Amino acid sequence: MMKVASRRGEIVAKAQVTTRVPAGLIFATFHYPDSAVNFLTNPALDPVAKIPEYKVCAVRAEAVNGHPEG
């Protein structure tokens, strides 16, 4: 289990380390209602497209020891 935090919030999620995502990056699904990853991102709208900035943000990640799911 990992705690992933940004300036806007934090979540605890199960992590899987693979070679599919380059070092220094985190990929998280956001398509499902139980995925709280959008709490980490910026809801500000792009001035032209009017689309929220939900796909990119800086985060910190750390292992969570003793979490019920870990």
PDB file of N, CA and C in Angstrom:
ATOM      1  N   MET A   1       0.847  -1.175   0.000  1.00  0.00           N
ATOM      2  CA  MET A   1       0.000   0.000   0.000  1.00  0.00           C
ATOM      3  C   MET A   1       0.892   1.236   0.000  1.00  0.00           C
ATOM      4  N   MET A   2       0.437   2.255  -0.703  1.00  0.00           N
ATOM      5  CA  MET A   2       1.184   3.508  -0.814  1.00  0.00           C
ATOM      6  C   MET A   2       0.285   4.682  -0.461  1.00  0.00           C
ATOM      7  N   LYS A   3       0.870   5.673   0.199  1.00  0.00           N
ATOM      8  CA  LYS A   3       0.179   6.948   0.371  1.00  0.00           C
ATOM      9  C   LYS A   3       0.697   7.852  -0.730  1.00  0.00           C
ATOM     10  N   VAL A   4      -0.212   8.414  -1.496  1.00  0.00           N
ATOM     11  CA  VAL A   4       0.126   9.328  -2.577  1.00  0.00           C
ATOM     12  C   VAL A   4      -0.506  10.663  -2.215  1.00  0.00           C
ATOM     13  N   ALA A   5       0.316  11.709  -2.143  1.00  0.00           N
ATOM     14  CA  ALA A   5      -0.175  13.004  -1.687  1.00  0.00           C
ATOM     15  C   ALA A   5       0.251  14.116  -2.645  1.00  0.00           C
ATOM     16  N   SER A   6      -0.625  15.091  -2.802  1.00  0.00           N
ATOM     17  CA  SER A   6      -0.325  16.309  -3.549  1.00  0.00           C
ATOM     18  C   SER A   6      -0.684  17.487  -2.655  1.00  0.00           C
ATOM     19  N   ARG A   7      -0.561  18.692  -3.170  1.00  0.00           N
ATOM     20  CA  ARG A   7      -0.947  19.876  -2.394  1.00  0.00           C
ATOM     21  C   ARG A   7      -2.451  19.914  -2.136  1.00  0.00           C
ATOM     22  N   ARG A   8      -3.227  19.138  -2.873  1.00  0.00           N
ATOM     23  CA  ARG A   8      -4.688  19.193  -2.780  1.00  0.00           C
ATOM     24  C   ARG A   8      -5.312  18.072  -1.968  1.00  0.00           C
ATOM     25  N   GLY A   9      -4.550  17.023  -1.691  1.00  0.00           N
ATOM     26  CA  GLY A   9      -5.115  15.920  -0.923  1.00  0.00           C
ATOM     27  C   GLY A   9      -4.196  14.721  -0.922  1.00  0.00           C
ATOM     28  N   GLU A  10      -4.685  13.638  -0.344  1.00  0.00           N
ATOM     29  CA  GLU A  10      -3.913  12.404  -0.326  1.00  0.00           C
ATOM     30  C   GLU A  10      -4.845  11.204  -0.356  1.00  0.00           C
ATOM     31  N   ILE A  11      -4.330  10.108  -0.877  1.00  0.00           N
ATOM     32  CA  ILE A  11      -5.070   8.853  -0.928  1.00  0.00           C
ATOM     33  C   ILE A  11      -4.126   7.719  -0.534  1.00  0.00           C
ATOM     34  N   VAL A  12      -4.687   6.599  -0.143  1.00  0.00           N
ATOM     35  CA  VAL A  12      -3.934   5.373   0.083  1.00  0.00           C
ATOM     36  C   VAL A  12      -4.441   4.373  -0.949  1.00  0.00           C
ATOM     37  N   ALA A  13      -3.493   3.775  -1.675  1.00  0.00           N
ATOM     38  CA  ALA A  13      -3.882   2.858  -2.750  1.00  0.00           C
ATOM     39  C   ALA A  13      -2.885   1.715  -2.842  1.00  0.00           C
ATOM     40  N   LYS A  14      -3.335   0.618  -3.416  1.00  0.00           N
ATOM     41  CA  LYS A  14      -2.453  -0.522  -3.649  1.00  0.00           C
ATOM     42  C   LYS A  14      -1.527  -0.179  -4.811  1.00  0.00           C
ATOM     43  N   ALA A  15      -0.238  -0.447  -4.650  1.00  0.00           N
ATOM     44  CA  ALA A  15       0.744  -0.139  -5.683  1.00  0.00           C
ATOM     45  C   ALA A  15       1.241  -1.414  -6.346  1.00  0.00           C
ATOM     46  N   GLN A  16       1.553  -1.292  -7.618  1.00  0.00           N
ATOM     47  CA  GLN A  16       2.178  -2.377  -8.359  1.00  0.00           C
ATOM     48  C   GLN A  16       3.325  -1.758  -9.158  1.00  0.00           C
ATOM     49  N   VAL A  17       4.535  -2.170  -8.873  1.00  0.00           N
ATOM     50  CA  VAL A  17       5.701  -1.640  -9.569  1.00  0.00           C
ATOM     51  C   VAL A  17       5.949  -2.482 -10.818  1.00  0.00           C
ATOM     52  N   THR A  18       6.020  -1.810 -11.976  1.00  0.00           N
ATOM     53  CA  THR A  18       6.259  -2.503 -13.243  1.00  0.00           C
ATOM     54  C   THR A  18       7.238  -1.684 -14.072  1.00  0.00           C
ATOM     55  N   THR A  19       7.614  -2.234 -15.204  1.00  0.00           N
ATOM     56  CA  THR A  19       8.455  -1.493 -16.147  1.00  0.00           C
ATOM     57  C   THR A  19       7.608  -0.752 -17.187  1.00  0.00           C
ATOM     58  N   ARG A  20       6.292  -0.863 -17.101  1.00  0.00           N
ATOM     59  CA  ARG A  20       5.418  -0.193 -18.065  1.00  0.00           C
ATOM     60  C   ARG A  20       5.334   1.305 -17.841  1.00  0.00           C
ATOM     61  N   VAL A  21       5.629   1.750 -16.635  1.00  0.00           N
ATOM     62  CA  VAL A  21       5.617   3.181 -16.306  1.00  0.00           C
ATOM     63  C   VAL A  21       7.058   3.574 -15.987  1.00  0.00           C
ATOM     64  N   PRO A  22       7.584   4.603 -16.643  1.00  0.00           N
ATOM     65  CA  PRO A  22       8.976   4.993 -16.410  1.00  0.00           C
ATOM     66  C   PRO A  22       9.236   5.401 -14.956  1.00  0.00           C
ATOM     67  N   ALA A  23      10.473   5.239 -14.531  1.00  0.00           N
ATOM     68  CA  ALA A  23      10.880   5.667 -13.187  1.00  0.00           C
ATOM     69  C   ALA A  23      10.560   7.155 -13.006  1.00  0.00           C
ATOM     70  N   GLY A  24      10.066   7.493 -11.820  1.00  0.00           N
ATOM     71  CA  GLY A  24       9.715   8.878 -11.530  1.00  0.00           C
ATOM     72  C   GLY A  24       8.282   9.248 -11.851  1.00  0.00           C
ATOM     73  N   LEU A  25       7.525   8.325 -12.442  1.00  0.00           N
ATOM     74  CA  LEU A  25       6.124   8.580 -12.787  1.00  0.00           C
ATOM     75  C   LEU A  25       5.223   7.603 -12.048  1.00  0.00           C
ATOM     76  N   ILE A  26       3.987   8.045 -11.820  1.00  0.00           N
ATOM     77  CA  ILE A  26       2.944   7.200 -11.239  1.00  0.00           C
ATOM     78  C   ILE A  26       1.763   7.219 -12.193  1.00  0.00           C
ATOM     79  N   PHE A  27       1.202   6.050 -12.452  1.00  0.00           N
ATOM     80  CA  PHE A  27      -0.042   5.962 -13.212  1.00  0.00           C
ATOM     81  C   PHE A  27      -1.122   5.485 -12.260  1.00  0.00           C
ATOM     82  N   ALA A  28      -2.265   6.118 -12.310  1.00  0.00           N
ATOM     83  CA  ALA A  28      -3.397   5.698 -11.484  1.00  0.00           C
ATOM     84  C   ALA A  28      -4.660   5.764 -12.325  1.00  0.00           C
ATOM     85  N   THR A  29      -5.492   4.742 -12.196  1.00  0.00           N
ATOM     86  CA  THR A  29      -6.758   4.766 -12.924  1.00  0.00           C
ATOM     87  C   THR A  29      -7.703   5.777 -12.272  1.00  0.00           C
ATOM     88  N   PHE A  30      -8.520   6.400 -13.091  1.00  0.00           N
ATOM     89  CA  PHE A  30      -9.485   7.363 -12.562  1.00  0.00           C
ATOM     90  C   PHE A  30     -10.871   7.129 -13.142  1.00  0.00           C
ATOM     91  N   HIS A  31     -11.065   6.014 -13.797  1.00  0.00           N
ATOM     92  CA  HIS A  31     -12.324   5.734 -14.483  1.00  0.00           C
ATOM     93  C   HIS A  31     -13.404   5.157 -13.582  1.00  0.00           C
ATOM     94  N   TYR A  32     -13.031   4.688 -12.410  1.00  0.00           N
ATOM     95  CA  TYR A  32     -13.976   3.992 -11.556  1.00  0.00           C
ATOM     96  C   TYR A  32     -14.364   4.856 -10.362  1.00  0.00           C
ATOM     97  N   PRO A  33     -15.605   4.762  -9.914  1.00  0.00           N
ATOM     98  CA  PRO A  33     -16.065   5.594  -8.795  1.00  0.00           C
ATOM     99  C   PRO A  33     -15.256   5.403  -7.512  1.00  0.00           C
ATOM    100  N   ASP A  34     -14.710   4.207  -7.285  1.00  0.00           N
ATOM    101  CA  ASP A  34     -13.950   3.975  -6.049  1.00  0.00           C
ATOM    102  C   ASP A  34     -12.514   4.494  -6.135  1.00  0.00           C
ATOM    103  N   SER A  35     -12.115   5.005  -7.291  1.00  0.00           N
ATOM    104  CA  SER A  35     -10.789   5.595  -7.442  1.00  0.00           C
ATOM    105  C   SER A  35     -10.856   7.059  -7.041  1.00  0.00           C
ATOM    106  N   ALA A  36     -10.108   7.411  -6.007  1.00  0.00           N
ATOM    107  CA  ALA A  36     -10.165   8.779  -5.481  1.00  0.00           C
ATOM    108  C   ALA A  36      -9.020   9.637  -5.999  1.00  0.00           C
ATOM    109  N   VAL A  37      -8.372   9.204  -7.066  1.00  0.00           N
ATOM    110  CA  VAL A  37      -7.175   9.897  -7.542  1.00  0.00           C
ATOM    111  C   VAL A  37      -7.445  11.342  -7.952  1.00  0.00           C
ATOM    112  N   ASN A  38      -8.645  11.671  -8.363  1.00  0.00           N
ATOM    113  CA  ASN A  38      -8.927  13.053  -8.758  1.00  0.00           C
ATOM    114  C   ASN A  38      -8.920  14.014  -7.573  1.00  0.00           C
ATOM    115  N   PHE A  39      -8.912  13.493  -6.342  1.00  0.00           N
ATOM    116  CA  PHE A  39      -8.745  14.369  -5.183  1.00  0.00           C
ATOM    117  C   PHE A  39      -7.348  14.967  -5.143  1.00  0.00           C
ATOM    118  N   LEU A  40      -6.410  14.393  -5.888  1.00  0.00           N
ATOM    119  CA  LEU A  40      -5.029  14.871  -5.910  1.00  0.00           C
ATOM    120  C   LEU A  40      -4.792  15.943  -6.966  1.00  0.00           C
ATOM    121  N   THR A  41      -5.674  16.039  -7.921  1.00  0.00           N
ATOM    122  CA  THR A  41      -5.435  16.877  -9.090  1.00  0.00           C
ATOM    123  C   THR A  41      -6.115  18.237  -8.983  1.00  0.00           C
ATOM    124  N   ASN A  42      -5.844  19.068  -9.956  1.00  0.00           N
ATOM    125  CA  ASN A  42      -6.349  20.431  -9.982  1.00  0.00           C
ATOM    126  C   ASN A  42      -7.636  20.504 -10.805  1.00  0.00           C
ATOM    127  N   PRO A  43      -8.745  20.949 -10.233  1.00  0.00           N
ATOM    128  CA  PRO A  43      -9.998  21.026 -10.987  1.00  0.00           C
ATOM    129  C   PRO A  43     -10.109  22.286 -11.846  1.00  0.00           C
ATOM    130  N   ALA A  44      -9.054  23.108 -11.902  1.00  0.00           N
ATOM    131  CA  ALA A  44      -9.103  24.327 -12.721  1.00  0.00           C
ATOM    132  C   ALA A  44      -9.335  23.957 -14.185  1.00  0.00           C
ATOM    133  N   LEU A  45     -10.108  24.774 -14.878  1.00  0.00           N
ATOM    134  CA  LEU A  45     -10.425  24.502 -16.276  1.00  0.00           C
ATOM    135  C   LEU A  45      -9.413  25.148 -17.214  1.00  0.00           C
ATOM    136  N   ASP A  46      -9.074  24.416 -18.274  1.00  0.00           N
ATOM    137  CA  ASP A  46      -8.275  24.976 -19.352  1.00  0.00           C
ATOM    138  C   ASP A  46      -9.075  26.128 -19.958  1.00  0.00           C
ATOM    139  N   PRO A  47      -8.475  27.292 -20.174  1.00  0.00           N
ATOM    140  CA  PRO A  47      -9.238  28.447 -20.651  1.00  0.00           C
ATOM    141  C   PRO A  47      -9.838  28.283 -22.047  1.00  0.00           C
ATOM    142  N   VAL A  48      -9.250  27.441 -22.874  1.00  0.00           N
ATOM    143  CA  VAL A  48      -9.747  27.269 -24.237  1.00  0.00           C
ATOM    144  C   VAL A  48     -10.690  26.069 -24.333  1.00  0.00           C
ATOM    145  N   ALA A  49     -10.233  24.907 -23.892  1.00  0.00           N
ATOM    146  CA  ALA A  49     -11.005  23.676 -24.056  1.00  0.00           C
ATOM    147  C   ALA A  49     -12.037  23.464 -22.951  1.00  0.00           C
ATOM    148  N   LYS A  50     -11.906  24.188 -21.828  1.00  0.00           N
ATOM    149  CA  LYS A  50     -12.813  24.046 -20.676  1.00  0.00           C
ATOM    150  C   LYS A  50     -12.781  22.638 -20.099  1.00  0.00           C
ATOM    151  N   ILE A  51     -11.607  22.000 -20.119  1.00  0.00           N
ATOM    152  CA  ILE A  51     -11.412  20.651 -19.593  1.00  0.00           C
ATOM    153  C   ILE A  51     -10.612  20.750 -18.303  1.00  0.00           C
ATOM    154  N   PRO A  52     -11.029  20.061 -17.228  1.00  0.00           N
ATOM    155  CA  PRO A  52     -10.250  20.088 -15.983  1.00  0.00           C
ATOM    156  C   PRO A  52      -8.874  19.442 -16.154  1.00  0.00           C
ATOM    157  N   GLU A  53      -7.913  19.910 -15.384  1.00  0.00           N
ATOM    158  CA  GLU A  53      -6.548  19.377 -15.416  1.00  0.00           C
ATOM    159  C   GLU A  53      -6.457  18.125 -14.542  1.00  0.00           C
ATOM    160  N   TYR A  54      -7.212  17.095 -14.876  1.00  0.00           N
ATOM    161  CA  TYR A  54      -7.268  15.893 -14.058  1.00  0.00           C
ATOM    162  C   TYR A  54      -6.180  14.879 -14.378  1.00  0.00           C
ATOM    163  N   LYS A  55      -5.391  15.086 -15.420  1.00  0.00           N
ATOM    164  CA  LYS A  55      -4.494  14.011 -15.844  1.00  0.00           C
ATOM    165  C   LYS A  55      -3.048  14.168 -15.415  1.00  0.00           C
ATOM    166  N   VAL A  56      -2.650  15.316 -14.885  1.00  0.00           N
ATOM    167  CA  VAL A  56      -1.254  15.527 -14.525  1.00  0.00           C
ATOM    168  C   VAL A  56      -1.169  16.331 -13.238  1.00  0.00           C
ATOM    169  N   CYS A  57      -0.346  15.894 -12.299  1.00  0.00           N
ATOM    170  CA  CYS A  57      -0.033  16.691 -11.117  1.00  0.00           C
ATOM    171  C   CYS A  57       1.182  16.101 -10.420  1.00  0.00           C
ATOM    172  N   ALA A  58       1.883  16.925  -9.662  1.00  0.00           N
ATOM    173  CA  ALA A  58       3.031  16.465  -8.897  1.00  0.00           C
ATOM    174  C   ALA A  58       2.540  15.819  -7.607  1.00  0.00           C
ATOM    175  N   VAL A  59       3.150  14.692  -7.238  1.00  0.00           N
ATOM    176  CA  VAL A  59       2.774  13.979  -6.014  1.00  0.00           C
ATOM    177  C   VAL A  59       4.011  13.468  -5.286  1.00  0.00           C
ATOM    178  N   ARG A  60       3.806  13.133  -4.019  1.00  0.00           N
ATOM    179  CA  ARG A  60       4.779  12.406  -3.210  1.00  0.00           C
ATOM    180  C   ARG A  60       4.190  11.032  -2.946  1.00  0.00           C
ATOM    181  N   ALA A  61       5.041  10.018  -2.957  1.00  0.00           N
ATOM    182  CA  ALA A  61       4.565   8.657  -2.678  1.00  0.00           C
ATOM    183  C   ALA A  61       5.440   8.039  -1.604  1.00  0.00           C
ATOM    184  N   GLU A  62       4.787   7.328  -0.687  1.00  0.00           N
ATOM    185  CA  GLU A  62       5.532   6.618   0.360  1.00  0.00           C
ATOM    186  C   GLU A  62       4.781   5.360   0.751  1.00  0.00           C
ATOM    187  N   ALA A  63       5.533   4.367   1.166  1.00  0.00           N
ATOM    188  CA  ALA A  63       4.932   3.106   1.607  1.00  0.00           C
ATOM    189  C   ALA A  63       4.157   3.337   2.899  1.00  0.00           C
ATOM    190  N   VAL A  64       3.049   2.612   3.041  1.00  0.00           N
ATOM    191  CA  VAL A  64       2.235   2.678   4.248  1.00  0.00           C
ATOM    192  C   VAL A  64       2.364   1.337   4.951  1.00  0.00           C
ATOM    193  N   ASN A  65       3.003   1.351   6.088  1.00  0.00           N
ATOM    194  CA  ASN A  65       3.156   0.127   6.882  1.00  0.00           C
ATOM    195  C   ASN A  65       2.003  -0.007   7.854  1.00  0.00           C
ATOM    196  N   GLY A  66       1.503  -1.216   8.018  1.00  0.00           N
ATOM    197  CA  GLY A  66       0.439  -1.458   8.981  1.00  0.00           C
ATOM    198  C   GLY A  66      -0.948  -1.088   8.486  1.00  0.00           C
ATOM    199  N   HIS A  67      -1.101  -0.749   7.198  1.00  0.00           N
ATOM    200  CA  HIS A  67      -2.430  -0.448   6.645  1.00  0.00           C
ATOM    201  C   HIS A  67      -3.227  -1.746   6.576  1.00  0.00           C
ATOM    202  N   PRO A  68      -4.537  -1.725   6.853  1.00  0.00           N
ATOM    203  CA  PRO A  68      -5.340  -2.949   6.849  1.00  0.00           C
ATOM    204  C   PRO A  68      -5.246  -3.759   5.547  1.00  0.00           C
ATOM    205  N   GLU A  69      -5.065  -3.072   4.407  1.00  0.00           N
ATOM    206  CA  GLU A  69      -4.982  -3.797   3.135  1.00  0.00           C
ATOM    207  C   GLU A  69      -3.548  -4.141   2.772  1.00  0.00           C
ATOM    208  N   GLY A  70      -2.554  -3.685   3.534  1.00  0.00           N
ATOM    209  CA  GLY A  70      -1.164  -3.905   3.189  1.00  0.00           C
ATOM    210  C   GLY A  70      -0.638  -5.079   3.864  1.00  0.00           C
TER     211      GLY A  70
END
